[in-house]
Structure formats: structure tokens, C-alpha cells
Full PDB file with SEQRES, HELIX, SHEET, SSBOND, CRYST1, ORIGX, SCALE, CONECT and MASTER records, all heavy atoms in Angstrom:
SEQRES   1 A   34  VAL CYS PRO ASP TYR PRO VAL TYR LEU THR THR GLY ARG          
SEQRES   2 A   34  VAL LEU ALA GLN TYR GLN SER GLY ALA GLN THR ARG ARG          
SEQRES   3 A   34  ILE ALA PRO LEU HIS ARG ALA ALA                              
HELIX    1 AA1 THR A   24  ARG A   26  5                                   3    
HELIX    2 AA2 ALA A   28  ALA A   33  1                                   6    
CRYST1    1.000    1.000    1.000  90.00  90.00  90.00 P 1           1          
ORIGX1      1.000000  0.000000  0.000000        0.00000                         
ORIGX2      0.000000  1.000000  0.000000        0.00000                         
ORIGX3      0.000000  0.000000  1.000000        0.00000                         
SCALE1      1.000000  0.000000  0.000000        0.00000                         
SCALE2      0.000000  1.000000  0.000000        0.00000                         
SCALE3      0.000000  0.000000  1.000000        0.00000                         
ATOM      1  N   VAL A   1     315.364 260.491 -25.419  1.00  0.00           N  
ATOM      2  CA  VAL A   1     313.953 260.862 -25.372  1.00  0.00           C  
ATOM      3  C   VAL A   1     313.565 261.254 -23.947  1.00  0.00           C  
ATOM      4  O   VAL A   1     314.210 260.859 -22.972  1.00  0.00           O  
ATOM      5  CB  VAL A   1     313.066 259.710 -25.878  1.00  0.00           C  
ATOM      6  CG1 VAL A   1     313.310 259.452 -27.353  1.00  0.00           C  
ATOM      7  CG2 VAL A   1     313.297 258.436 -25.074  1.00  0.00           C  
ATOM      8  N   CYS A   2     312.500 262.034 -23.853  1.00  0.00           N  
ATOM      9  CA  CYS A   2     312.012 262.546 -22.572  1.00  0.00           C  
ATOM     10  C   CYS A   2     310.524 262.835 -22.730  1.00  0.00           C  
ATOM     11  O   CYS A   2     309.979 262.718 -23.829  1.00  0.00           O  
ATOM     12  CB  CYS A   2     312.788 263.802 -22.174  1.00  0.00           C  
ATOM     13  SG  CYS A   2     312.524 265.179 -23.320  1.00  0.00           S  
ATOM     14  N   PRO A   3     309.834 263.221 -21.681  1.00  0.00           N  
ATOM     15  CA  PRO A   3     308.391 263.473 -21.825  1.00  0.00           C  
ATOM     16  C   PRO A   3     308.048 264.534 -22.876  1.00  0.00           C  
ATOM     17  O   PRO A   3     307.015 264.426 -23.549  1.00  0.00           O  
ATOM     18  CB  PRO A   3     307.979 263.923 -20.416  1.00  0.00           C  
ATOM     19  CG  PRO A   3     308.945 263.214 -19.515  1.00  0.00           C  
ATOM     20  CD  PRO A   3     310.254 263.230 -20.258  1.00  0.00           C  
ATOM     21  N   ASP A   4     308.871 265.561 -23.020  1.00  0.00           N  
ATOM     22  CA  ASP A   4     308.576 266.602 -24.003  1.00  0.00           C  
ATOM     23  C   ASP A   4     308.912 266.164 -25.427  1.00  0.00           C  
ATOM     24  O   ASP A   4     308.281 266.625 -26.389  1.00  0.00           O  
ATOM     25  CB  ASP A   4     309.350 267.878 -23.673  1.00  0.00           C  
ATOM     26  CG  ASP A   4     308.818 268.574 -22.435  1.00  0.00           C  
ATOM     27  OD1 ASP A   4     307.626 268.374 -22.120  1.00  0.00           O  
ATOM     28  OD2 ASP A   4     309.587 269.300 -21.788  1.00  0.00           O  
ATOM     29  N   TYR A   5     309.909 265.315 -25.562  1.00  0.00           N  
ATOM     30  CA  TYR A   5     310.339 264.821 -26.875  1.00  0.00           C  
ATOM     31  C   TYR A   5     310.476 263.300 -26.763  1.00  0.00           C  
ATOM     32  O   TYR A   5     311.572 262.769 -26.587  1.00  0.00           O  
ATOM     33  CB  TYR A   5     311.658 265.467 -27.291  1.00  0.00           C  
ATOM     34  CG  TYR A   5     311.581 266.978 -27.355  1.00  0.00           C  
ATOM     35  CD1 TYR A   5     312.010 267.764 -26.276  1.00  0.00           C  
ATOM     36  CD2 TYR A   5     311.055 267.620 -28.472  1.00  0.00           C  
ATOM     37  CE1 TYR A   5     311.927 269.142 -26.322  1.00  0.00           C  
ATOM     38  CE2 TYR A   5     310.967 269.005 -28.527  1.00  0.00           C  
ATOM     39  CZ  TYR A   5     311.399 269.758 -27.454  1.00  0.00           C  
ATOM     40  OH  TYR A   5     311.305 271.133 -27.504  1.00  0.00           O  
ATOM     41  N   PRO A   6     309.363 262.564 -26.878  1.00  0.00           N  
ATOM     42  CA  PRO A   6     309.354 261.164 -26.467  1.00  0.00           C  
ATOM     43  C   PRO A   6     309.697 260.142 -27.551  1.00  0.00           C  
ATOM     44  O   PRO A   6     309.629 258.937 -27.286  1.00  0.00           O  
ATOM     45  CB  PRO A   6     307.901 260.971 -26.014  1.00  0.00           C  
ATOM     46  CG  PRO A   6     307.121 261.899 -26.893  1.00  0.00           C  
ATOM     47  CD  PRO A   6     308.003 263.089 -27.129  1.00  0.00           C  
ATOM     48  N   VAL A   7     310.048 260.598 -28.751  1.00  0.00           N  
ATOM     49  CA  VAL A   7     310.254 259.675 -29.866  1.00  0.00           C  
ATOM     50  C   VAL A   7     311.629 259.919 -30.480  1.00  0.00           C  
ATOM     51  O   VAL A   7     312.095 261.063 -30.558  1.00  0.00           O  
ATOM     52  CB  VAL A   7     309.160 259.871 -30.943  1.00  0.00           C  
ATOM     53  CG1 VAL A   7     309.351 258.907 -32.106  1.00  0.00           C  
ATOM     54  CG2 VAL A   7     307.776 259.696 -30.342  1.00  0.00           C  
ATOM     55  N   TYR A   8     312.296 258.841 -30.915  1.00  0.00           N  
ATOM     56  CA  TYR A   8     313.553 258.980 -31.647  1.00  0.00           C  
ATOM     57  C   TYR A   8     313.270 259.291 -33.116  1.00  0.00           C  
ATOM     58  O   TYR A   8     312.361 258.710 -33.724  1.00  0.00           O  
ATOM     59  CB  TYR A   8     314.368 257.685 -31.591  1.00  0.00           C  
ATOM     60  CG  TYR A   8     314.898 257.322 -30.235  1.00  0.00           C  
ATOM     61  CD1 TYR A   8     314.371 256.234 -29.535  1.00  0.00           C  
ATOM     62  CD2 TYR A   8     315.931 258.043 -29.646  1.00  0.00           C  
ATOM     63  CE1 TYR A   8     314.864 255.874 -28.292  1.00  0.00           C  
ATOM     64  CE2 TYR A   8     316.423 257.701 -28.398  1.00  0.00           C  
ATOM     65  CZ  TYR A   8     315.889 256.614 -27.721  1.00  0.00           C  
ATOM     66  OH  TYR A   8     316.377 256.269 -26.489  1.00  0.00           O  
ATOM     67  N   LEU A   9     314.063 260.174 -33.698  1.00  0.00           N  
ATOM     68  CA  LEU A   9     314.040 260.443 -35.137  1.00  0.00           C  
ATOM     69  C   LEU A   9     315.312 259.910 -35.768  1.00  0.00           C  
ATOM     70  O   LEU A   9     316.413 260.112 -35.237  1.00  0.00           O  
ATOM     71  CB  LEU A   9     313.948 261.945 -35.414  1.00  0.00           C  
ATOM     72  CG  LEU A   9     314.234 262.364 -36.868  1.00  0.00           C  
ATOM     73  CD1 LEU A   9     313.085 261.972 -37.786  1.00  0.00           C  
ATOM     74  CD2 LEU A   9     314.523 263.863 -36.962  1.00  0.00           C  
ATOM     75  N   THR A  10     315.179 259.237 -36.899  1.00  0.00           N  
ATOM     76  CA  THR A  10     316.332 258.891 -37.710  1.00  0.00           C  
ATOM     77  C   THR A  10     316.047 259.327 -39.140  1.00  0.00           C  
ATOM     78  O   THR A  10     314.884 259.480 -39.534  1.00  0.00           O  
ATOM     79  CB  THR A  10     316.670 257.388 -37.621  1.00  0.00           C  
ATOM     80  OG1 THR A  10     317.935 257.142 -38.232  1.00  0.00           O  
ATOM     81  CG2 THR A  10     315.608 256.533 -38.290  1.00  0.00           C  
ATOM     82  N   THR A  11     317.098 259.548 -39.926  1.00  0.00           N  
ATOM     83  CA  THR A  11     316.941 260.083 -41.281  1.00  0.00           C  
ATOM     84  C   THR A  11     317.697 259.222 -42.284  1.00  0.00           C  
ATOM     85  O   THR A  11     318.516 258.384 -41.917  1.00  0.00           O  
ATOM     86  CB  THR A  11     317.466 261.523 -41.369  1.00  0.00           C  
ATOM     87  OG1 THR A  11     318.891 261.529 -41.174  1.00  0.00           O  
ATOM     88  CG2 THR A  11     316.822 262.415 -40.327  1.00  0.00           C  
ATOM     89  N   GLY A  12     317.419 259.452 -43.558  1.00  0.00           N  
ATOM     90  CA  GLY A  12     318.114 258.710 -44.600  1.00  0.00           C  
ATOM     91  C   GLY A  12     317.640 259.122 -45.981  1.00  0.00           C  
ATOM     92  O   GLY A  12     317.050 260.189 -46.160  1.00  0.00           O  
ATOM     93  N   ARG A  13     317.902 258.236 -46.948  1.00  0.00           N  
ATOM     94  CA  ARG A  13     317.605 258.528 -48.343  1.00  0.00           C  
ATOM     95  C   ARG A  13     316.483 257.628 -48.857  1.00  0.00           C  
ATOM     96  O   ARG A  13     316.147 256.621 -48.249  1.00  0.00           O  
ATOM     97  CB  ARG A  13     318.866 258.309 -49.202  1.00  0.00           C  
ATOM     98  CG  ARG A  13     319.906 259.380 -49.033  1.00  0.00           C  
ATOM     99  CD  ARG A  13     321.262 258.966 -49.565  1.00  0.00           C  
ATOM    100  NE  ARG A  13     321.202 258.437 -50.924  1.00  0.00           N  
ATOM    101  CZ  ARG A  13     322.259 257.944 -51.566  1.00  0.00           C  
ATOM    102  NH1 ARG A  13     323.436 257.921 -50.967  1.00  0.00           N  
ATOM    103  NH2 ARG A  13     322.133 257.481 -52.801  1.00  0.00           N  
ATOM    104  N   VAL A  14     315.938 258.014 -50.020  1.00  0.00           N  
ATOM    105  CA  VAL A  14     314.974 257.178 -50.729  1.00  0.00           C  
ATOM    106  C   VAL A  14     315.523 256.893 -52.123  1.00  0.00           C  
ATOM    107  O   VAL A  14     316.413 257.592 -52.619  1.00  0.00           O  
ATOM    108  CB  VAL A  14     313.583 257.836 -50.819  1.00  0.00           C  
ATOM    109  CG1 VAL A  14     312.997 258.028 -49.428  1.00  0.00           C  
ATOM    110  CG2 VAL A  14     313.643 259.164 -51.568  1.00  0.00           C  
ATOM    111  N   LEU A  15     314.974 255.893 -52.762  1.00  0.00           N  
ATOM    112  CA  LEU A  15     315.511 255.378 -54.011  1.00  0.00           C  
ATOM    113  C   LEU A  15     315.612 256.432 -55.109  1.00  0.00           C  
ATOM    114  O   LEU A  15     316.625 256.526 -55.804  1.00  0.00           O  
ATOM    115  CB  LEU A  15     314.635 254.216 -54.497  1.00  0.00           C  
ATOM    116  CG  LEU A  15     314.951 253.611 -55.858  1.00  0.00           C  
ATOM    117  CD1 LEU A  15     316.352 253.008 -55.868  1.00  0.00           C  
ATOM    118  CD2 LEU A  15     313.912 252.548 -56.214  1.00  0.00           C  
ATOM    119  N   ALA A  16     314.583 257.246 -55.293  1.00  0.00           N  
ATOM    120  CA  ALA A  16     314.515 258.120 -56.461  1.00  0.00           C  
ATOM    121  C   ALA A  16     315.174 259.476 -56.262  1.00  0.00           C  
ATOM    122  O   ALA A  16     315.236 260.267 -57.218  1.00  0.00           O  
ATOM    123  CB  ALA A  16     313.057 258.318 -56.876  1.00  0.00           C  
ATOM    124  N   GLN A  17     315.660 259.776 -55.061  1.00  0.00           N  
ATOM    125  CA  GLN A  17     316.283 261.076 -54.824  1.00  0.00           C  
ATOM    126  C   GLN A  17     317.720 260.890 -54.360  1.00  0.00           C  
ATOM    127  O   GLN A  17     318.122 259.799 -53.970  1.00  0.00           O  
ATOM    128  CB  GLN A  17     315.481 261.875 -53.791  1.00  0.00           C  
ATOM    129  CG  GLN A  17     314.050 262.180 -54.203  1.00  0.00           C  
ATOM    130  CD  GLN A  17     313.947 263.152 -55.364  1.00  0.00           C  
ATOM    131  OE1 GLN A  17     314.906 263.842 -55.711  1.00  0.00           O  
ATOM    132  NE2 GLN A  17     312.774 263.212 -55.982  1.00  0.00           N  
ATOM    133  N   TYR A  18     318.480 262.005 -54.404  1.00  0.00           N  
ATOM    134  CA  TYR A  18     319.896 261.924 -54.077  1.00  0.00           C  
ATOM    135  C   TYR A  18     320.317 263.159 -53.295  1.00  0.00           C  
ATOM    136  O   TYR A  18     320.031 264.302 -53.712  1.00  0.00           O  
ATOM    137  CB  TYR A  18     320.729 261.816 -55.356  1.00  0.00           C  
ATOM    138  CG  TYR A  18     322.214 261.679 -55.109  1.00  0.00           C  
ATOM    139  CD1 TYR A  18     322.740 260.495 -54.606  1.00  0.00           C  
ATOM    140  CD2 TYR A  18     323.089 262.728 -55.378  1.00  0.00           C  
ATOM    141  CE1 TYR A  18     324.092 260.359 -54.376  1.00  0.00           C  
ATOM    142  CE2 TYR A  18     324.443 262.598 -55.146  1.00  0.00           C  
ATOM    143  CZ  TYR A  18     324.941 261.423 -54.647  1.00  0.00           C  
ATOM    144  OH  TYR A  18     326.286 261.293 -54.412  1.00  0.00           O  
ATOM    145  N   GLN A  19     320.984 262.928 -52.164  1.00  0.00           N  
ATOM    146  CA  GLN A  19     321.555 263.990 -51.338  1.00  0.00           C  
ATOM    147  C   GLN A  19     320.548 265.120 -51.105  1.00  0.00           C  
ATOM    148  O   GLN A  19     319.426 264.871 -50.731  1.00  0.00           O  
ATOM    149  CB  GLN A  19     322.868 264.481 -51.959  1.00  0.00           C  
ATOM    150  CG  GLN A  19     323.918 263.367 -52.123  1.00  0.00           C  
ATOM    151  CD  GLN A  19     324.317 262.705 -50.820  1.00  0.00           C  
ATOM    152  OE1 GLN A  19     323.634 261.802 -50.364  1.00  0.00           O  
ATOM    153  NE2 GLN A  19     325.410 263.114 -50.236  1.00  0.00           N  
ATOM    154  N   SER A  20     320.939 266.383 -51.329  1.00  0.00           N  
ATOM    155  CA  SER A  20     320.038 267.489 -51.005  1.00  0.00           C  
ATOM    156  C   SER A  20     318.901 267.630 -52.002  1.00  0.00           C  
ATOM    157  O   SER A  20     318.029 268.483 -51.823  1.00  0.00           O  
ATOM    158  CB  SER A  20     320.818 268.807 -50.936  1.00  0.00           C  
ATOM    159  OG  SER A  20     321.163 269.256 -52.235  1.00  0.00           O  
ATOM    160  N   GLY A  21     318.899 266.826 -53.078  1.00  0.00           N  
ATOM    161  CA  GLY A  21     317.808 266.843 -54.038  1.00  0.00           C  
ATOM    162  C   GLY A  21     317.848 267.973 -55.041  1.00  0.00           C  
ATOM    163  O   GLY A  21     316.956 268.063 -55.894  1.00  0.00           O  
ATOM    164  N   ALA A  22     318.865 268.837 -54.989  1.00  0.00           N  
ATOM    165  CA  ALA A  22     318.909 269.977 -55.906  1.00  0.00           C  
ATOM    166  C   ALA A  22     318.883 269.540 -57.364  1.00  0.00           C  
ATOM    167  O   ALA A  22     318.328 270.236 -58.221  1.00  0.00           O  
ATOM    168  CB  ALA A  22     320.159 270.818 -55.636  1.00  0.00           C  
ATOM    169  N   GLN A  23     319.470 268.376 -57.647  1.00  0.00           N  
ATOM    170  CA  GLN A  23     319.444 267.849 -59.014  1.00  0.00           C  
ATOM    171  C   GLN A  23     318.226 266.956 -59.229  1.00  0.00           C  
ATOM    172  O   GLN A  23     317.442 267.167 -60.148  1.00  0.00           O  
ATOM    173  CB  GLN A  23     320.727 267.057 -59.278  1.00  0.00           C  
ATOM    174  CG  GLN A  23     322.005 267.869 -59.168  1.00  0.00           C  
ATOM    175  CD  GLN A  23     323.239 267.002 -59.306  1.00  0.00           C  
ATOM    176  OE1 GLN A  23     323.354 266.205 -60.225  1.00  0.00           O  
ATOM    177  NE2 GLN A  23     324.179 267.156 -58.391  1.00  0.00           N  
ATOM    178  N   THR A  24     318.081 265.929 -58.406  1.00  0.00           N  
ATOM    179  CA  THR A  24     317.077 264.900 -58.691  1.00  0.00           C  
ATOM    180  C   THR A  24     315.653 265.404 -58.541  1.00  0.00           C  
ATOM    181  O   THR A  24     314.742 264.896 -59.204  1.00  0.00           O  
ATOM    182  CB  THR A  24     317.300 263.674 -57.785  1.00  0.00           C  
ATOM    183  OG1 THR A  24     317.414 264.097 -56.417  1.00  0.00           O  
ATOM    184  CG2 THR A  24     318.576 262.943 -58.184  1.00  0.00           C  
ATOM    185  N   ARG A  25     315.411 266.390 -57.690  1.00  0.00           N  
ATOM    186  CA  ARG A  25     314.053 266.922 -57.565  1.00  0.00           C  
ATOM    187  C   ARG A  25     313.590 267.617 -58.843  1.00  0.00           C  
ATOM    188  O   ARG A  25     312.395 267.858 -59.040  1.00  0.00           O  
ATOM    189  CB  ARG A  25     313.966 267.900 -56.388  1.00  0.00           C  
ATOM    190  CG  ARG A  25     313.882 267.236 -55.042  1.00  0.00           C  
ATOM    191  CD  ARG A  25     313.655 268.232 -53.926  1.00  0.00           C  
ATOM    192  NE  ARG A  25     314.888 268.770 -53.365  1.00  0.00           N  
ATOM    193  CZ  ARG A  25     315.214 270.057 -53.349  1.00  0.00           C  
ATOM    194  NH1 ARG A  25     314.394 270.961 -53.869  1.00  0.00           N  
ATOM    195  NH2 ARG A  25     316.348 270.472 -52.810  1.00  0.00           N  
ATOM    196  N   ARG A  26     314.544 267.948 -59.737  1.00  0.00           N  
ATOM    197  CA  ARG A  26     314.215 268.616 -60.992  1.00  0.00           C  
ATOM    198  C   ARG A  26     313.988 267.646 -62.152  1.00  0.00           C  
ATOM    199  O   ARG A  26     313.631 268.087 -63.247  1.00  0.00           O  
ATOM    200  CB  ARG A  26     315.326 269.603 -61.341  1.00  0.00           C  
ATOM    201  CG  ARG A  26     315.375 270.821 -60.434  1.00  0.00           C  
ATOM    202  CD  ARG A  26     316.572 271.709 -60.748  1.00  0.00           C  
ATOM    203  NE  ARG A  26     316.387 273.051 -60.218  1.00  0.00           N  
ATOM    204  CZ  ARG A  26     316.676 273.420 -58.977  1.00  0.00           C  
ATOM    205  NH1 ARG A  26     317.174 272.524 -58.128  1.00  0.00           N  
ATOM    206  NH2 ARG A  26     316.472 274.659 -58.574  1.00  0.00           N  
ATOM    207  N   ILE A  27     314.229 266.364 -61.931  1.00  0.00           N  
ATOM    208  CA  ILE A  27     314.081 265.372 -63.000  1.00  0.00           C  
ATOM    209  C   ILE A  27     312.693 264.765 -62.892  1.00  0.00           C  
ATOM    210  O   ILE A  27     312.347 264.138 -61.881  1.00  0.00           O  
ATOM    211  CB  ILE A  27     315.184 264.309 -62.899  1.00  0.00           C  
ATOM    212  CG1 ILE A  27     316.551 264.974 -63.126  1.00  0.00           C  
ATOM    213  CG2 ILE A  27     314.957 263.182 -63.887  1.00  0.00           C  
ATOM    214  CD1 ILE A  27     317.728 264.051 -62.935  1.00  0.00           C  
ATOM    215  N   ALA A  28     311.887 264.935 -63.935  1.00  0.00           N  
ATOM    216  CA  ALA A  28     310.463 264.606 -63.859  1.00  0.00           C  
ATOM    217  C   ALA A  28     310.187 263.166 -63.436  1.00  0.00           C  
ATOM    218  O   ALA A  28     309.351 262.944 -62.548  1.00  0.00           O  
ATOM    219  CB  ALA A  28     309.794 264.924 -65.204  1.00  0.00           C  
ATOM    220  N   PRO A  29     310.820 262.147 -64.030  1.00  0.00           N  
ATOM    221  CA  PRO A  29     310.503 260.781 -63.592  1.00  0.00           C  
ATOM    222  C   PRO A  29     310.845 260.533 -62.122  1.00  0.00           C  
ATOM    223  O   PRO A  29     310.135 259.789 -61.435  1.00  0.00           O  
ATOM    224  CB  PRO A  29     311.358 259.903 -64.516  1.00  0.00           C  
ATOM    225  CG  PRO A  29     311.656 260.757 -65.697  1.00  0.00           C  
ATOM    226  CD  PRO A  29     311.755 262.143 -65.166  1.00  0.00           C  
ATOM    227  N   LEU A  30     311.918 261.147 -61.637  1.00  0.00           N  
ATOM    228  CA  LEU A  30     312.293 260.972 -60.233  1.00  0.00           C  
ATOM    229  C   LEU A  30     311.329 261.722 -59.323  1.00  0.00           C  
ATOM    230  O   LEU A  30     310.978 261.240 -58.235  1.00  0.00           O  
ATOM    231  CB  LEU A  30     313.731 261.438 -60.009  1.00  0.00           C  
ATOM    232  CG  LEU A  30     314.799 260.726 -60.839  1.00  0.00           C  
ATOM    233  CD1 LEU A  30     316.188 261.258 -60.492  1.00  0.00           C  
ATOM    234  CD2 LEU A  30     314.745 259.216 -60.635  1.00  0.00           C  
ATOM    235  N   HIS A  31     310.903 262.886 -59.770  1.00  0.00           N  
ATOM    236  CA  HIS A  31     309.924 263.640 -58.977  1.00  0.00           C  
ATOM    237  C   HIS A  31     308.605 262.875 -58.895  1.00  0.00           C  
ATOM    238  O   HIS A  31     307.965 262.843 -57.830  1.00  0.00           O  
ATOM    239  CB  HIS A  31     309.699 265.019 -59.593  1.00  0.00           C  
ATOM    240  CG  HIS A  31     308.627 265.813 -58.907  1.00  0.00           C  
ATOM    241  ND1 HIS A  31     308.806 266.384 -57.674  1.00  0.00           N  
ATOM    242  CD2 HIS A  31     307.344 266.096 -59.275  1.00  0.00           C  
ATOM    243  CE1 HIS A  31     307.690 267.005 -57.299  1.00  0.00           C  
ATOM    244  NE2 HIS A  31     306.793 266.838 -58.263  1.00  0.00           N  
ATOM    245  N   ARG A  32     308.200 262.253 -60.003  1.00  0.00           N  
ATOM    246  CA  ARG A  32     306.955 261.478 -59.963  1.00  0.00           C  
ATOM    247  C   ARG A  32     307.084 260.280 -59.016  1.00  0.00           C  
ATOM    248  O   ARG A  32     306.132 259.928 -58.314  1.00  0.00           O  
ATOM    249  CB  ARG A  32     306.600 260.995 -61.372  1.00  0.00           C  
ATOM    250  CG  ARG A  32     306.090 262.096 -62.289  1.00  0.00           C  
ATOM    251  CD  ARG A  32     305.446 261.526 -63.528  1.00  0.00           C  
ATOM    252  NE  ARG A  32     306.382 260.773 -64.353  1.00  0.00           N  
ATOM    253  CZ  ARG A  32     307.110 261.304 -65.333  1.00  0.00           C  
ATOM    254  NH1 ARG A  32     307.009 262.613 -65.599  1.00  0.00           N  
ATOM    255  NH2 ARG A  32     307.923 260.556 -66.050  1.00  0.00           N  
ATOM    256  N   ALA A  33     308.259 259.671 -58.999  1.00  0.00           N  
ATOM    257  CA  ALA A  33     308.464 258.502 -58.137  1.00  0.00           C  
ATOM    258  C   ALA A  33     308.535 258.884 -56.667  1.00  0.00           C  
ATOM    259  O   ALA A  33     308.103 258.107 -55.797  1.00  0.00           O  
ATOM    260  CB  ALA A  33     309.742 257.777 -58.547  1.00  0.00           C  
ATOM    261  N   ALA A  34     309.087 260.057 -56.360  1.00  0.00           N  
ATOM    262  CA  ALA A  34     309.234 260.507 -54.964  1.00  0.00           C  
ATOM    263  C   ALA A  34     308.992 262.014 -54.934  1.00  0.00           C  
ATOM    264  O   ALA A  34     309.929 262.809 -54.930  1.00  0.00           O  
ATOM    265  CB  ALA A  34     310.625 260.171 -54.432  1.00  0.00           C  
TER     266      ALA A  34                                                      
MASTER        0    0    0    2    0    0    0    6  265    1    0    3          
END                                                                             
């Protein structure tokens, strides 16, 4: 981090979605949950 970019970013997954979401984002109950 530095004055121009002062915060750390980390990433991960959520319960109702999987990987790039190409499949799970199309499933209605999973989309409603996340």
C-alpha cells in the first residue's frame, strides 16, 4: 500500500456461486441468494 493506493484488496468466493459464475449465475435460486 501507498498514499495513492492505501488499502489492501483480497478476493474469494461466496456460498451460492462457483468460480467464474458462468454456470451458477444462471441458476435462479443461486442468483437470488447471491
